[in-house]
ModelCIF file with pLDDT and N, C-alpha, C, O atoms, coordinates in Angstrom:
data_MODEL
#
_entry.id   MODEL 
#
_entity.id                         1 
_entity.type                       polymer 
_entity.pdbx_number_of_molecules   1 
#
_entity_poly.entity_id                      1 
_entity_poly.type                           'polypeptide(L)' 
_entity_poly.nstd_linkage                   no 
_entity_poly.nstd_monomer                   no 
_entity_poly.pdbx_seq_one_letter_code       TNRSLMELDLSVNKLGDSGVKLVSAALRNPECKIQRL 
_entity_poly.pdbx_seq_one_letter_code_can   TNRSLMELDLSVNKLGDSGVKLVSAALRNPECKIQRL 
_entity_poly.pdbx_strand_id                 A 
#
loop_
_entity_poly_seq.entity_id 
_entity_poly_seq.num 
_entity_poly_seq.mon_id 
_entity_poly_seq.hetero 
1 1  THR n 
1 2  ASN n 
1 3  ARG n 
1 4  SER n 
1 5  LEU n 
1 6  MET n 
1 7  GLU n 
1 8  LEU n 
1 9  ASP n 
1 10 LEU n 
1 11 SER n 
1 12 VAL n 
1 13 ASN n 
1 14 LYS n 
1 15 LEU n 
1 16 GLY n 
1 17 ASP n 
1 18 SER n 
1 19 GLY n 
1 20 VAL n 
1 21 LYS n 
1 22 LEU n 
1 23 VAL n 
1 24 SER n 
1 25 ALA n 
1 26 ALA n 
1 27 LEU n 
1 28 ARG n 
1 29 ASN n 
1 30 PRO n 
1 31 GLU n 
1 32 CYS n 
1 33 LYS n 
1 34 ILE n 
1 35 GLN n 
1 36 ARG n 
1 37 LEU n 
#
_struct_asym.id          A 
_struct_asym.entity_id   1 
#
loop_
_ma_qa_metric.id 
_ma_qa_metric.mode 
_ma_qa_metric.name 
_ma_qa_metric.software_group_id 
_ma_qa_metric.type 
1 global pLDDT . pLDDT 
2 local  pLDDT . pLDDT 
#
_ma_qa_metric_global.metric_id      1 
_ma_qa_metric_global.metric_value   90.81 
_ma_qa_metric_global.model_id       1 
_ma_qa_metric_global.ordinal_id     1 
#
loop_
_ma_qa_metric_local.label_asym_id 
_ma_qa_metric_local.label_comp_id 
_ma_qa_metric_local.label_seq_id 
_ma_qa_metric_local.metric_id 
_ma_qa_metric_local.metric_value 
_ma_qa_metric_local.model_id 
_ma_qa_metric_local.ordinal_id 
A THR 1  2 82.00 1 1  
A ASN 2  2 84.00 1 2  
A ARG 3  2 84.00 1 3  
A SER 4  2 91.00 1 4  
A LEU 5  2 94.00 1 5  
A MET 6  2 95.00 1 6  
A GLU 7  2 97.00 1 7  
A LEU 8  2 96.00 1 8  
A ASP 9  2 98.00 1 9  
A LEU 10 2 97.00 1 10 
A SER 11 2 98.00 1 11 
A VAL 12 2 98.00 1 12 
A ASN 13 2 96.00 1 13 
A LYS 14 2 94.00 1 14 
A LEU 15 2 95.00 1 15 
A GLY 16 2 95.00 1 16 
A ASP 17 2 95.00 1 17 
A SER 18 2 93.00 1 18 
A GLY 19 2 93.00 1 19 
A VAL 20 2 94.00 1 20 
A LYS 21 2 92.00 1 21 
A LEU 22 2 90.00 1 22 
A VAL 23 2 90.00 1 23 
A SER 24 2 89.00 1 24 
A ALA 25 2 86.00 1 25 
A ALA 26 2 85.00 1 26 
A LEU 27 2 85.00 1 27 
A ARG 28 2 85.00 1 28 
A ASN 29 2 83.00 1 29 
A PRO 30 2 81.00 1 30 
A GLU 31 2 79.00 1 31 
A CYS 32 2 82.00 1 32 
A LYS 33 2 85.00 1 33 
A ILE 34 2 91.00 1 34 
A GLN 35 2 94.00 1 35 
A ARG 36 2 97.00 1 36 
A LEU 37 2 97.00 1 37 
#
loop_
_atom_site.group_PDB 
_atom_site.id 
_atom_site.type_symbol 
_atom_site.label_atom_id 
_atom_site.label_alt_id 
_atom_site.label_comp_id 
_atom_site.label_asym_id 
_atom_site.label_entity_id 
_atom_site.label_seq_id 
_atom_site.pdbx_PDB_ins_code 
_atom_site.Cartn_x 
_atom_site.Cartn_y 
_atom_site.Cartn_z 
_atom_site.occupancy 
_atom_site.B_iso_or_equiv 
_atom_site.pdbx_formal_charge 
_atom_site.auth_seq_id 
_atom_site.auth_comp_id 
_atom_site.auth_asym_id 
_atom_site.auth_atom_id 
_atom_site.pdbx_PDB_model_num 
ATOM 1   N N  . THR A 1 1  ? -15.805 3.072  7.270  1.00 82.00 ? 1  THR A N  1 
ATOM 2   C CA . THR A 1 1  ? -16.573 3.334  6.109  1.00 82.00 ? 1  THR A CA 1 
ATOM 3   C C  . THR A 1 1  ? -15.612 3.641  5.319  1.00 82.00 ? 1  THR A C  1 
ATOM 4   O O  . THR A 1 1  ? -15.552 3.174  4.182  1.00 82.00 ? 1  THR A O  1 
ATOM 5   N N  . ASN A 1 2  ? -14.678 4.508  5.828  1.00 84.00 ? 2  ASN A N  1 
ATOM 6   C CA . ASN A 1 2  ? -13.343 5.130  4.911  1.00 84.00 ? 2  ASN A CA 1 
ATOM 7   C C  . ASN A 1 2  ? -12.346 4.229  4.439  1.00 84.00 ? 2  ASN A C  1 
ATOM 8   O O  . ASN A 1 2  ? -11.853 3.421  5.227  1.00 84.00 ? 2  ASN A O  1 
ATOM 9   N N  . ARG A 1 3  ? -11.974 4.274  3.191  1.00 84.00 ? 3  ARG A N  1 
ATOM 10  C CA . ARG A 1 3  ? -11.104 3.180  2.392  1.00 84.00 ? 3  ARG A CA 1 
ATOM 11  C C  . ARG A 1 3  ? -9.693  3.691  2.450  1.00 84.00 ? 3  ARG A C  1 
ATOM 12  O O  . ARG A 1 3  ? -8.755  2.935  2.197  1.00 84.00 ? 3  ARG A O  1 
ATOM 13  N N  . SER A 1 4  ? -9.518  4.906  2.762  1.00 91.00 ? 4  SER A N  1 
ATOM 14  C CA . SER A 1 4  ? -8.111  5.690  2.181  1.00 91.00 ? 4  SER A CA 1 
ATOM 15  C C  . SER A 1 4  ? -7.322  5.616  3.514  1.00 91.00 ? 4  SER A C  1 
ATOM 16  O O  . SER A 1 4  ? -6.153  5.245  3.411  1.00 91.00 ? 4  SER A O  1 
ATOM 17  N N  . LEU A 1 5  ? -7.690  5.849  4.483  1.00 94.00 ? 5  LEU A N  1 
ATOM 18  C CA . LEU A 1 5  ? -6.840  6.215  5.962  1.00 94.00 ? 5  LEU A CA 1 
ATOM 19  C C  . LEU A 1 5  ? -5.812  5.029  6.053  1.00 94.00 ? 5  LEU A C  1 
ATOM 20  O O  . LEU A 1 5  ? -6.072  3.835  5.905  1.00 94.00 ? 5  LEU A O  1 
ATOM 21  N N  . MET A 1 6  ? -4.681  5.558  6.306  1.00 95.00 ? 6  MET A N  1 
ATOM 22  C CA . MET A 1 6  ? -3.559  4.509  6.625  1.00 95.00 ? 6  MET A CA 1 
ATOM 23  C C  . MET A 1 6  ? -2.914  4.819  7.821  1.00 95.00 ? 6  MET A C  1 
ATOM 24  O O  . MET A 1 6  ? -2.552  3.881  8.532  1.00 95.00 ? 6  MET A O  1 
ATOM 25  N N  . GLU A 1 7  ? -2.697  6.004  8.181  1.00 97.00 ? 7  GLU A N  1 
ATOM 26  C CA . GLU A 1 7  ? -2.185  6.433  9.314  1.00 97.00 ? 7  GLU A CA 1 
ATOM 27  C C  . GLU A 1 7  ? -3.105  7.285  10.425 1.00 97.00 ? 7  GLU A C  1 
ATOM 28  O O  . GLU A 1 7  ? -3.884  8.129  9.983  1.00 97.00 ? 7  GLU A O  1 
ATOM 29  N N  . LEU A 1 8  ? -3.026  7.094  11.654 1.00 96.00 ? 8  LEU A N  1 
ATOM 30  C CA . LEU A 1 8  ? -4.142  7.455  12.476 1.00 96.00 ? 8  LEU A CA 1 
ATOM 31  C C  . LEU A 1 8  ? -3.430  7.871  14.098 1.00 96.00 ? 8  LEU A C  1 
ATOM 32  O O  . LEU A 1 8  ? -3.083  6.988  14.883 1.00 96.00 ? 8  LEU A O  1 
ATOM 33  N N  . ASP A 1 9  ? -3.303  9.312  14.393 1.00 98.00 ? 9  ASP A N  1 
ATOM 34  C CA . ASP A 1 9  ? -2.711  9.296  15.771 1.00 98.00 ? 9  ASP A CA 1 
ATOM 35  C C  . ASP A 1 9  ? -3.679  9.976  16.590 1.00 98.00 ? 9  ASP A C  1 
ATOM 36  O O  . ASP A 1 9  ? -4.023  11.148 16.438 1.00 98.00 ? 9  ASP A O  1 
ATOM 37  N N  . LEU A 1 10 ? -4.183  9.016  17.644 1.00 97.00 ? 10 LEU A N  1 
ATOM 38  C CA . LEU A 1 10 ? -5.008  9.504  18.490 1.00 97.00 ? 10 LEU A CA 1 
ATOM 39  C C  . LEU A 1 10 ? -4.550  9.667  20.108 1.00 97.00 ? 10 LEU A C  1 
ATOM 40  O O  . LEU A 1 10 ? -5.329  9.605  21.059 1.00 97.00 ? 10 LEU A O  1 
ATOM 41  N N  . SER A 1 11 ? -3.192  9.876  20.176 1.00 98.00 ? 11 SER A N  1 
ATOM 42  C CA . SER A 1 11 ? -2.424  9.987  21.333 1.00 98.00 ? 11 SER A CA 1 
ATOM 43  C C  . SER A 1 11 ? -3.202  11.248 22.213 1.00 98.00 ? 11 SER A C  1 
ATOM 44  O O  . SER A 1 11 ? -3.898  12.137 21.724 1.00 98.00 ? 11 SER A O  1 
ATOM 45  N N  . VAL A 1 12 ? -2.850  11.035 23.731 1.00 98.00 ? 12 VAL A N  1 
ATOM 46  C CA . VAL A 1 12 ? -3.088  12.225 24.511 1.00 98.00 ? 12 VAL A CA 1 
ATOM 47  C C  . VAL A 1 12 ? -4.594  12.601 24.500 1.00 98.00 ? 12 VAL A C  1 
ATOM 48  O O  . VAL A 1 12 ? -4.922  13.755 24.777 1.00 98.00 ? 12 VAL A O  1 
ATOM 49  N N  . ASN A 1 13 ? -5.508  11.671 24.191 1.00 96.00 ? 13 ASN A N  1 
ATOM 50  C CA . ASN A 1 13 ? -6.834  11.922 24.313 1.00 96.00 ? 13 ASN A CA 1 
ATOM 51  C C  . ASN A 1 13 ? -7.274  10.917 25.100 1.00 96.00 ? 13 ASN A C  1 
ATOM 52  O O  . ASN A 1 13 ? -6.810  9.787  24.951 1.00 96.00 ? 13 ASN A O  1 
ATOM 53  N N  . LYS A 1 14 ? -8.345  11.221 26.161 1.00 94.00 ? 14 LYS A N  1 
ATOM 54  C CA . LYS A 1 14 ? -8.793  10.262 27.221 1.00 94.00 ? 14 LYS A CA 1 
ATOM 55  C C  . LYS A 1 14 ? -9.820  9.462  26.676 1.00 94.00 ? 14 LYS A C  1 
ATOM 56  O O  . LYS A 1 14 ? -10.990 9.845  26.653 1.00 94.00 ? 14 LYS A O  1 
ATOM 57  N N  . LEU A 1 15 ? -9.373  8.154  26.150 1.00 95.00 ? 15 LEU A N  1 
ATOM 58  C CA . LEU A 1 15 ? -10.188 7.312  25.418 1.00 95.00 ? 15 LEU A CA 1 
ATOM 59  C C  . LEU A 1 15 ? -10.362 6.168  26.386 1.00 95.00 ? 15 LEU A C  1 
ATOM 60  O O  . LEU A 1 15 ? -11.404 5.515  26.351 1.00 95.00 ? 15 LEU A O  1 
ATOM 61  N N  . GLY A 1 16 ? -9.605  5.945  27.066 1.00 95.00 ? 16 GLY A N  1 
ATOM 62  C CA . GLY A 1 16 ? -9.600  4.871  28.136 1.00 95.00 ? 16 GLY A CA 1 
ATOM 63  C C  . GLY A 1 16 ? -9.834  3.528  27.629 1.00 95.00 ? 16 GLY A C  1 
ATOM 64  O O  . GLY A 1 16 ? -9.649  3.397  26.419 1.00 95.00 ? 16 GLY A O  1 
ATOM 65  N N  . ASP A 1 17 ? -10.225 2.429  28.328 1.00 95.00 ? 17 ASP A N  1 
ATOM 66  C CA . ASP A 1 17 ? -10.483 1.294  27.739 1.00 95.00 ? 17 ASP A CA 1 
ATOM 67  C C  . ASP A 1 17 ? -11.565 1.234  26.727 1.00 95.00 ? 17 ASP A C  1 
ATOM 68  O O  . ASP A 1 17 ? -11.543 0.711  25.613 1.00 95.00 ? 17 ASP A O  1 
ATOM 69  N N  . SER A 1 18 ? -12.660 1.971  27.425 1.00 93.00 ? 18 SER A N  1 
ATOM 70  C CA . SER A 1 18 ? -13.998 1.908  26.517 1.00 93.00 ? 18 SER A CA 1 
ATOM 71  C C  . SER A 1 18 ? -13.728 2.593  25.022 1.00 93.00 ? 18 SER A C  1 
ATOM 72  O O  . SER A 1 18 ? -14.251 2.165  23.993 1.00 93.00 ? 18 SER A O  1 
ATOM 73  N N  . GLY A 1 19 ? -12.898 3.633  25.075 1.00 93.00 ? 19 GLY A N  1 
ATOM 74  C CA . GLY A 1 19 ? -12.840 4.448  23.814 1.00 93.00 ? 19 GLY A CA 1 
ATOM 75  C C  . GLY A 1 19 ? -11.946 3.539  23.015 1.00 93.00 ? 19 GLY A C  1 
ATOM 76  O O  . GLY A 1 19 ? -12.220 3.403  21.823 1.00 93.00 ? 19 GLY A O  1 
ATOM 77  N N  . VAL A 1 20 ? -10.829 2.847  23.556 1.00 94.00 ? 20 VAL A N  1 
ATOM 78  C CA . VAL A 1 20 ? -9.881  1.853  22.690 1.00 94.00 ? 20 VAL A CA 1 
ATOM 79  C C  . VAL A 1 20 ? -10.659 0.738  22.169 1.00 94.00 ? 20 VAL A C  1 
ATOM 80  O O  . VAL A 1 20 ? -10.396 0.307  21.046 1.00 94.00 ? 20 VAL A O  1 
ATOM 81  N N  . LYS A 1 21 ? -11.808 0.106  23.035 1.00 92.00 ? 21 LYS A N  1 
ATOM 82  C CA . LYS A 1 21 ? -12.464 -0.699 22.501 1.00 92.00 ? 21 LYS A CA 1 
ATOM 83  C C  . LYS A 1 21 ? -13.256 -0.628 21.265 1.00 92.00 ? 21 LYS A C  1 
ATOM 84  O O  . LYS A 1 21 ? -13.412 -1.545 20.458 1.00 92.00 ? 21 LYS A O  1 
ATOM 85  N N  . LEU A 1 22 ? -13.795 0.700  21.198 1.00 90.00 ? 22 LEU A N  1 
ATOM 86  C CA . LEU A 1 22 ? -14.423 1.126  20.018 1.00 90.00 ? 22 LEU A CA 1 
ATOM 87  C C  . LEU A 1 22 ? -13.527 1.273  18.842 1.00 90.00 ? 22 LEU A C  1 
ATOM 88  O O  . LEU A 1 22 ? -13.874 0.994  17.695 1.00 90.00 ? 22 LEU A O  1 
ATOM 89  N N  . VAL A 1 23 ? -12.302 1.745  19.198 1.00 90.00 ? 23 VAL A N  1 
ATOM 90  C CA . VAL A 1 23 ? -11.332 1.641  18.063 1.00 90.00 ? 23 VAL A CA 1 
ATOM 91  C C  . VAL A 1 23 ? -11.059 0.112  17.555 1.00 90.00 ? 23 VAL A C  1 
ATOM 92  O O  . VAL A 1 23 ? -10.796 -0.161 16.384 1.00 90.00 ? 23 VAL A O  1 
ATOM 93  N N  . SER A 1 24 ? -11.131 -0.559 18.295 1.00 89.00 ? 24 SER A N  1 
ATOM 94  C CA . SER A 1 24 ? -10.762 -2.052 17.931 1.00 89.00 ? 24 SER A CA 1 
ATOM 95  C C  . SER A 1 24 ? -11.791 -2.540 17.249 1.00 89.00 ? 24 SER A C  1 
ATOM 96  O O  . SER A 1 24 ? -11.596 -3.414 16.405 1.00 89.00 ? 24 SER A O  1 
ATOM 97  N N  . ALA A 1 25 ? -13.018 -2.062 17.503 1.00 86.00 ? 25 ALA A N  1 
ATOM 98  C CA . ALA A 1 25 ? -14.184 -2.715 16.458 1.00 86.00 ? 25 ALA A CA 1 
ATOM 99  C C  . ALA A 1 25 ? -13.996 -2.267 15.207 1.00 86.00 ? 25 ALA A C  1 
ATOM 100 O O  . ALA A 1 25 ? -14.276 -3.099 14.343 1.00 86.00 ? 25 ALA A O  1 
ATOM 101 N N  . ALA A 1 26 ? -13.506 -0.930 14.718 1.00 85.00 ? 26 ALA A N  1 
ATOM 102 C CA . ALA A 1 26 ? -13.152 -0.577 13.517 1.00 85.00 ? 26 ALA A CA 1 
ATOM 103 C C  . ALA A 1 26 ? -11.993 -1.279 12.837 1.00 85.00 ? 26 ALA A C  1 
ATOM 104 O O  . ALA A 1 26 ? -11.962 -1.526 11.631 1.00 85.00 ? 26 ALA A O  1 
ATOM 105 N N  . LEU A 1 27 ? -10.950 -1.608 13.794 1.00 85.00 ? 27 LEU A N  1 
ATOM 106 C CA . LEU A 1 27 ? -9.827  -2.432 13.225 1.00 85.00 ? 27 LEU A CA 1 
ATOM 107 C C  . LEU A 1 27 ? -10.175 -3.646 12.703 1.00 85.00 ? 27 LEU A C  1 
ATOM 108 O O  . LEU A 1 27 ? -9.559  -4.182 11.782 1.00 85.00 ? 27 LEU A O  1 
ATOM 109 N N  . ARG A 1 28 ? -11.366 -4.214 13.380 1.00 85.00 ? 28 ARG A N  1 
ATOM 110 C CA . ARG A 1 28 ? -11.674 -5.658 12.897 1.00 85.00 ? 28 ARG A CA 1 
ATOM 111 C C  . ARG A 1 28 ? -12.292 -5.744 11.547 1.00 85.00 ? 28 ARG A C  1 
ATOM 112 O O  . ARG A 1 28 ? -12.376 -6.826 10.966 1.00 85.00 ? 28 ARG A O  1 
ATOM 113 N N  . ASN A 1 29 ? -12.788 -4.479 10.962 1.00 83.00 ? 29 ASN A N  1 
ATOM 114 C CA . ASN A 1 29 ? -13.394 -4.316 9.684  1.00 83.00 ? 29 ASN A CA 1 
ATOM 115 C C  . ASN A 1 29 ? -12.232 -4.845 8.522  1.00 83.00 ? 29 ASN A C  1 
ATOM 116 O O  . ASN A 1 29 ? -11.083 -4.401 8.523  1.00 83.00 ? 29 ASN A O  1 
ATOM 117 N N  . PRO A 1 30 ? -12.599 -5.607 7.784  1.00 81.00 ? 30 PRO A N  1 
ATOM 118 C CA . PRO A 1 30 ? -11.521 -6.359 6.823  1.00 81.00 ? 30 PRO A CA 1 
ATOM 119 C C  . PRO A 1 30 ? -11.101 -5.115 5.810  1.00 81.00 ? 30 PRO A C  1 
ATOM 120 O O  . PRO A 1 30 ? -10.036 -5.121 5.193  1.00 81.00 ? 30 PRO A O  1 
ATOM 121 N N  . GLU A 1 31 ? -12.076 -4.051 5.720  1.00 79.00 ? 31 GLU A N  1 
ATOM 122 C CA . GLU A 1 31 ? -11.619 -3.093 4.712  1.00 79.00 ? 31 GLU A CA 1 
ATOM 123 C C  . GLU A 1 31 ? -10.613 -2.048 5.357  1.00 79.00 ? 31 GLU A C  1 
ATOM 124 O O  . GLU A 1 31 ? -10.116 -1.105 4.741  1.00 79.00 ? 31 GLU A O  1 
ATOM 125 N N  . CYS A 1 32 ? -10.401 -2.341 6.618  1.00 82.00 ? 32 CYS A N  1 
ATOM 126 C CA . CYS A 1 32 ? -9.660  -1.151 7.254  1.00 82.00 ? 32 CYS A CA 1 
ATOM 127 C C  . CYS A 1 32 ? -8.290  -1.295 6.790  1.00 82.00 ? 32 CYS A C  1 
ATOM 128 O O  . CYS A 1 32 ? -7.766  -2.403 6.676  1.00 82.00 ? 32 CYS A O  1 
ATOM 129 N N  . LYS A 1 33 ? -7.692  -0.199 6.517  1.00 85.00 ? 33 LYS A N  1 
ATOM 130 C CA . LYS A 1 33 ? -6.266  -0.248 6.033  1.00 85.00 ? 33 LYS A CA 1 
ATOM 131 C C  . LYS A 1 33 ? -5.276  0.516  6.847  1.00 85.00 ? 33 LYS A C  1 
ATOM 132 O O  . LYS A 1 33 ? -4.163  0.845  6.437  1.00 85.00 ? 33 LYS A O  1 
ATOM 133 N N  . ILE A 1 34 ? -5.736  0.763  7.974  1.00 91.00 ? 34 ILE A N  1 
ATOM 134 C CA . ILE A 1 34 ? -4.623  1.387  8.895  1.00 91.00 ? 34 ILE A CA 1 
ATOM 135 C C  . ILE A 1 34 ? -3.456  0.565  9.116  1.00 91.00 ? 34 ILE A C  1 
ATOM 136 O O  . ILE A 1 34 ? -3.480  -0.607 9.494  1.00 91.00 ? 34 ILE A O  1 
ATOM 137 N N  . GLN A 1 35 ? -2.313  1.338  8.826  1.00 94.00 ? 35 GLN A N  1 
ATOM 138 C CA . GLN A 1 35 ? -0.799  0.684  8.752  1.00 94.00 ? 35 GLN A CA 1 
ATOM 139 C C  . GLN A 1 35 ? 0.084   1.094  9.954  1.00 94.00 ? 35 GLN A C  1 
ATOM 140 O O  . GLN A 1 35 ? 0.985   0.427  10.462 1.00 94.00 ? 35 GLN A O  1 
ATOM 141 N N  . ARG A 1 36 ? -0.411  2.492  10.356 1.00 97.00 ? 36 ARG A N  1 
ATOM 142 C CA . ARG A 1 36 ? 0.249   3.143  11.607 1.00 97.00 ? 36 ARG A CA 1 
ATOM 143 C C  . ARG A 1 36 ? -0.815  3.504  12.425 1.00 97.00 ? 36 ARG A C  1 
ATOM 144 O O  . ARG A 1 36 ? -1.767  4.094  11.915 1.00 97.00 ? 36 ARG A O  1 
ATOM 145 N N  . LEU A 1 37 ? -0.805  3.182  13.904 1.00 97.00 ? 37 LEU A N  1 
ATOM 146 C CA . LEU A 1 37 ? -1.556  3.608  14.837 1.00 97.00 ? 37 LEU A CA 1 
ATOM 147 C C  . LEU A 1 37 ? -0.864  4.208  16.004 1.00 97.00 ? 37 LEU A C  1 
ATOM 148 O O  . LEU A 1 37 ? -1.517  4.645  16.951 1.00 97.00 ? 37 LEU A O  1 
#
């Protein structure tokens, strides 16, 4: 839902494949403006 965020650092967290899959779902949103991950 956020329209301003362009850089996000989630390193060194225990996301695992399941957590990264959730991140991936957000990145699919055409409104997502993430430039650096």
